[in-house]
């Protein structure tokens, strides 16, 4: 596996970028760059910003729709 794949795998468990960096033994900037890569590829998406919550909706989509990054680790998000 590549670092890109490792970052995707770890963050999908709910790890923050800082926690993913510690887990993988890499710089947090590298994790952020990898997340940016996956977002540009359409594998991850950012949820709409809300002032009152980091979670705007429960994700109930089909498997072909990318999982929002903020939903990683949520028990209500699809796997």
N, C-alpha and C. Protein backbone atom coordinates (compact mmCIF):
# COMPACT_ATOMS: atom_id res chain seq x y z
N UNK A 1 0.83 -1.19 0.00
CA UNK A 1 0.00 0.00 0.00
C UNK A 1 0.87 1.25 0.00
N UNK A 2 0.32 2.30 -0.54
CA UNK A 2 1.03 3.58 -0.55
C UNK A 2 0.63 4.41 0.66
N UNK A 3 1.36 5.48 0.90
CA UNK A 3 1.01 6.40 1.98
C UNK A 3 -0.39 6.98 1.74
N UNK A 4 -0.72 7.26 0.48
CA UNK A 4 -2.05 7.78 0.17
C UNK A 4 -3.13 6.81 0.63
N UNK A 5 -2.96 5.54 0.31
CA UNK A 5 -3.93 4.52 0.73
C UNK A 5 -3.97 4.38 2.24
N UNK A 6 -2.81 4.43 2.87
CA UNK A 6 -2.75 4.31 4.33
C UNK A 6 -3.49 5.46 5.01
N UNK A 7 -3.29 6.68 4.50
CA UNK A 7 -3.98 7.84 5.07
C UNK A 7 -5.49 7.69 4.91
N UNK A 8 -5.94 7.26 3.75
CA UNK A 8 -7.36 7.06 3.52
C UNK A 8 -7.92 6.02 4.48
N UNK A 9 -7.22 4.90 4.64
CA UNK A 9 -7.68 3.83 5.52
C UNK A 9 -7.78 4.31 6.97
N UNK A 10 -6.76 4.99 7.44
CA UNK A 10 -6.73 5.43 8.84
C UNK A 10 -7.78 6.51 9.11
N UNK A 11 -7.93 7.46 8.21
CA UNK A 11 -8.90 8.53 8.45
C UNK A 11 -10.33 8.03 8.35
N UNK A 12 -10.55 6.99 7.59
CA UNK A 12 -11.91 6.42 7.52
C UNK A 12 -12.31 5.71 8.80
N UNK A 13 -11.37 5.48 9.70
CA UNK A 13 -11.71 4.91 11.00
C UNK A 13 -12.11 6.00 11.98
N UNK A 14 -12.01 7.27 11.54
CA UNK A 14 -12.39 8.38 12.40
C UNK A 14 -11.22 9.17 12.94
N UNK A 15 -10.01 8.81 12.54
CA UNK A 15 -8.82 9.52 13.04
C UNK A 15 -8.75 10.93 12.47
N UNK A 16 -8.33 11.85 13.31
CA UNK A 16 -8.07 13.22 12.85
C UNK A 16 -6.76 13.20 12.05
N UNK A 17 -6.49 14.25 11.29
CA UNK A 17 -5.20 14.29 10.58
C UNK A 17 -4.00 14.14 11.52
N UNK A 18 -4.07 14.77 12.68
CA UNK A 18 -2.95 14.65 13.64
C UNK A 18 -2.81 13.21 14.14
N UNK A 19 -3.93 12.57 14.44
CA UNK A 19 -3.89 11.18 14.91
C UNK A 19 -3.42 10.25 13.80
N UNK A 20 -3.86 10.50 12.58
CA UNK A 20 -3.42 9.68 11.45
C UNK A 20 -1.91 9.81 11.26
N UNK A 21 -1.40 11.02 11.40
CA UNK A 21 0.04 11.24 11.26
C UNK A 21 0.81 10.46 12.32
N UNK A 22 0.33 10.50 13.56
CA UNK A 22 1.00 9.76 14.64
C UNK A 22 0.94 8.26 14.37
N UNK A 23 -0.23 7.77 13.96
CA UNK A 23 -0.41 6.34 13.70
C UNK A 23 0.52 5.85 12.59
N UNK A 24 0.63 6.65 11.54
CA UNK A 24 1.43 6.25 10.38
C UNK A 24 2.90 6.64 10.49
N UNK A 25 3.23 7.47 11.48
CA UNK A 25 4.61 7.91 11.65
C UNK A 25 5.07 8.85 10.55
N UNK A 26 4.14 9.70 10.09
CA UNK A 26 4.48 10.68 9.05
C UNK A 26 4.11 12.08 9.54
N UNK A 27 4.54 13.08 8.81
CA UNK A 27 4.24 14.46 9.15
C UNK A 27 2.76 14.76 8.89
N UNK A 28 2.16 15.58 9.75
CA UNK A 28 0.75 15.94 9.57
C UNK A 28 0.51 16.64 8.23
N UNK A 29 1.47 17.40 7.77
CA UNK A 29 1.35 18.06 6.47
C UNK A 29 1.20 17.06 5.34
N UNK A 30 1.89 15.92 5.45
CA UNK A 30 1.75 14.87 4.44
C UNK A 30 0.35 14.27 4.48
N UNK A 31 -0.19 14.09 5.68
CA UNK A 31 -1.56 13.58 5.80
C UNK A 31 -2.54 14.56 5.17
N UNK A 32 -2.38 15.84 5.46
CA UNK A 32 -3.27 16.84 4.88
C UNK A 32 -3.16 16.87 3.36
N UNK A 33 -1.96 16.71 2.84
CA UNK A 33 -1.77 16.67 1.38
C UNK A 33 -2.44 15.43 0.79
N UNK A 34 -2.35 14.31 1.48
CA UNK A 34 -3.00 13.09 1.00
C UNK A 34 -4.52 13.24 1.02
N UNK A 35 -5.05 13.85 2.07
CA UNK A 35 -6.50 14.08 2.14
C UNK A 35 -6.95 15.02 1.03
N UNK A 36 -6.14 16.03 0.74
CA UNK A 36 -6.44 16.94 -0.36
C UNK A 36 -6.46 16.17 -1.69
N UNK A 37 -5.51 15.27 -1.85
CA UNK A 37 -5.46 14.43 -3.06
C UNK A 37 -6.75 13.64 -3.21
N UNK A 38 -7.18 12.96 -2.13
CA UNK A 38 -8.39 12.14 -2.20
C UNK A 38 -9.63 12.99 -2.42
N UNK A 39 -9.63 14.20 -1.88
CA UNK A 39 -10.77 15.10 -2.11
C UNK A 39 -10.82 15.51 -3.59
N UNK A 40 -9.68 15.86 -4.16
CA UNK A 40 -9.63 16.25 -5.58
C UNK A 40 -10.01 15.10 -6.50
N UNK A 41 -9.70 13.87 -6.10
CA UNK A 41 -10.06 12.69 -6.90
C UNK A 41 -11.53 12.33 -6.75
N UNK A 42 -12.21 12.91 -5.75
CA UNK A 42 -13.62 12.61 -5.53
C UNK A 42 -13.87 11.45 -4.59
N UNK A 43 -12.82 10.92 -3.99
CA UNK A 43 -12.96 9.80 -3.05
C UNK A 43 -13.51 10.28 -1.72
N UNK A 44 -13.13 11.47 -1.31
CA UNK A 44 -13.63 12.10 -0.09
C UNK A 44 -14.25 13.44 -0.46
N UNK A 45 -15.25 13.84 0.28
CA UNK A 45 -15.85 15.15 0.08
C UNK A 45 -15.97 15.86 1.41
N UNK A 46 -15.94 17.17 1.36
CA UNK A 46 -16.14 17.96 2.58
C UNK A 46 -17.63 18.24 2.72
N UNK A 47 -18.14 18.13 3.94
CA UNK A 47 -19.56 18.45 4.15
C UNK A 47 -19.75 19.96 4.12
N UNK A 48 -20.99 20.42 3.89
CA UNK A 48 -21.24 21.86 3.98
C UNK A 48 -20.92 22.36 5.39
N UNK A 49 -20.35 23.53 5.49
CA UNK A 49 -19.98 24.09 6.80
C UNK A 49 -21.22 24.54 7.55
N UNK A 50 -21.25 24.23 8.84
CA UNK A 50 -22.32 24.70 9.73
C UNK A 50 -21.67 25.27 10.97
N UNK A 51 -22.20 26.33 11.45
CA UNK A 51 -21.62 26.98 12.63
C UNK A 51 -21.87 26.17 13.90
N UNK A 52 -22.99 25.45 13.96
CA UNK A 52 -23.36 24.79 15.21
C UNK A 52 -22.91 23.33 15.30
N UNK A 53 -22.36 22.77 14.24
CA UNK A 53 -22.01 21.36 14.28
C UNK A 53 -21.02 21.01 13.19
N UNK A 54 -20.20 20.00 13.44
CA UNK A 54 -19.31 19.52 12.39
C UNK A 54 -20.02 18.50 11.51
N UNK A 55 -21.20 18.09 11.93
CA UNK A 55 -21.98 17.10 11.18
C UNK A 55 -23.28 17.76 10.74
N UNK A 56 -23.50 17.80 9.43
CA UNK A 56 -24.70 18.48 8.94
C UNK A 56 -25.86 17.54 8.68
N UNK A 57 -25.57 16.33 8.28
CA UNK A 57 -26.65 15.37 8.02
C UNK A 57 -26.12 13.96 8.20
N UNK A 58 -27.03 13.05 8.35
CA UNK A 58 -26.67 11.64 8.35
C UNK A 58 -26.46 11.23 6.90
N UNK A 59 -25.41 10.52 6.63
CA UNK A 59 -25.11 10.11 5.26
C UNK A 59 -25.90 8.84 4.94
N UNK A 60 -26.83 8.98 4.04
CA UNK A 60 -27.62 7.83 3.60
C UNK A 60 -27.59 7.83 2.08
N UNK A 61 -26.44 7.52 1.53
CA UNK A 61 -26.26 7.56 0.09
C UNK A 61 -25.88 6.19 -0.43
N UNK A 62 -25.79 6.08 -1.73
CA UNK A 62 -25.39 4.83 -2.34
C UNK A 62 -23.88 4.69 -2.29
N UNK A 63 -23.35 3.47 -2.40
CA UNK A 63 -21.91 3.27 -2.29
C UNK A 63 -21.07 4.01 -3.33
N UNK A 64 -21.67 4.41 -4.46
CA UNK A 64 -20.88 5.10 -5.48
C UNK A 64 -20.68 6.58 -5.18
N UNK A 65 -21.37 7.10 -4.15
CA UNK A 65 -21.21 8.50 -3.75
C UNK A 65 -20.14 8.55 -2.65
N UNK A 66 -19.11 9.40 -2.80
CA UNK A 66 -18.04 9.45 -1.81
C UNK A 66 -18.55 9.81 -0.41
N UNK A 67 -17.94 9.22 0.58
CA UNK A 67 -18.26 9.49 1.98
C UNK A 67 -17.61 10.80 2.41
N UNK A 68 -18.37 11.75 2.97
CA UNK A 68 -17.76 13.00 3.44
C UNK A 68 -16.70 12.71 4.51
N UNK A 69 -15.61 13.43 4.46
CA UNK A 69 -14.51 13.23 5.39
C UNK A 69 -14.96 13.38 6.84
N UNK A 70 -15.86 14.32 7.11
CA UNK A 70 -16.32 14.54 8.48
C UNK A 70 -17.14 13.39 9.02
N UNK A 71 -17.61 12.50 8.15
CA UNK A 71 -18.45 11.39 8.58
C UNK A 71 -17.64 10.14 8.95
N UNK A 72 -16.34 10.18 8.76
CA UNK A 72 -15.53 9.01 9.10
C UNK A 72 -15.64 8.72 10.58
N UNK A 73 -15.84 7.48 10.89
CA UNK A 73 -15.95 7.07 12.28
C UNK A 73 -17.34 7.19 12.86
N UNK A 74 -18.27 7.81 12.16
CA UNK A 74 -19.63 7.97 12.66
C UNK A 74 -20.37 6.64 12.53
N UNK A 75 -21.03 6.18 13.59
CA UNK A 75 -21.75 4.91 13.50
C UNK A 75 -22.97 4.98 12.59
N UNK A 76 -23.42 6.17 12.24
CA UNK A 76 -24.58 6.30 11.36
C UNK A 76 -24.20 6.34 9.88
N UNK A 77 -22.92 6.54 9.59
CA UNK A 77 -22.46 6.60 8.21
C UNK A 77 -22.32 5.19 7.65
N UNK A 78 -22.60 5.05 6.37
CA UNK A 78 -22.45 3.75 5.72
C UNK A 78 -20.98 3.35 5.69
N UNK A 79 -20.72 2.11 5.59
CA UNK A 79 -19.33 1.61 5.53
C UNK A 79 -18.98 1.26 4.11
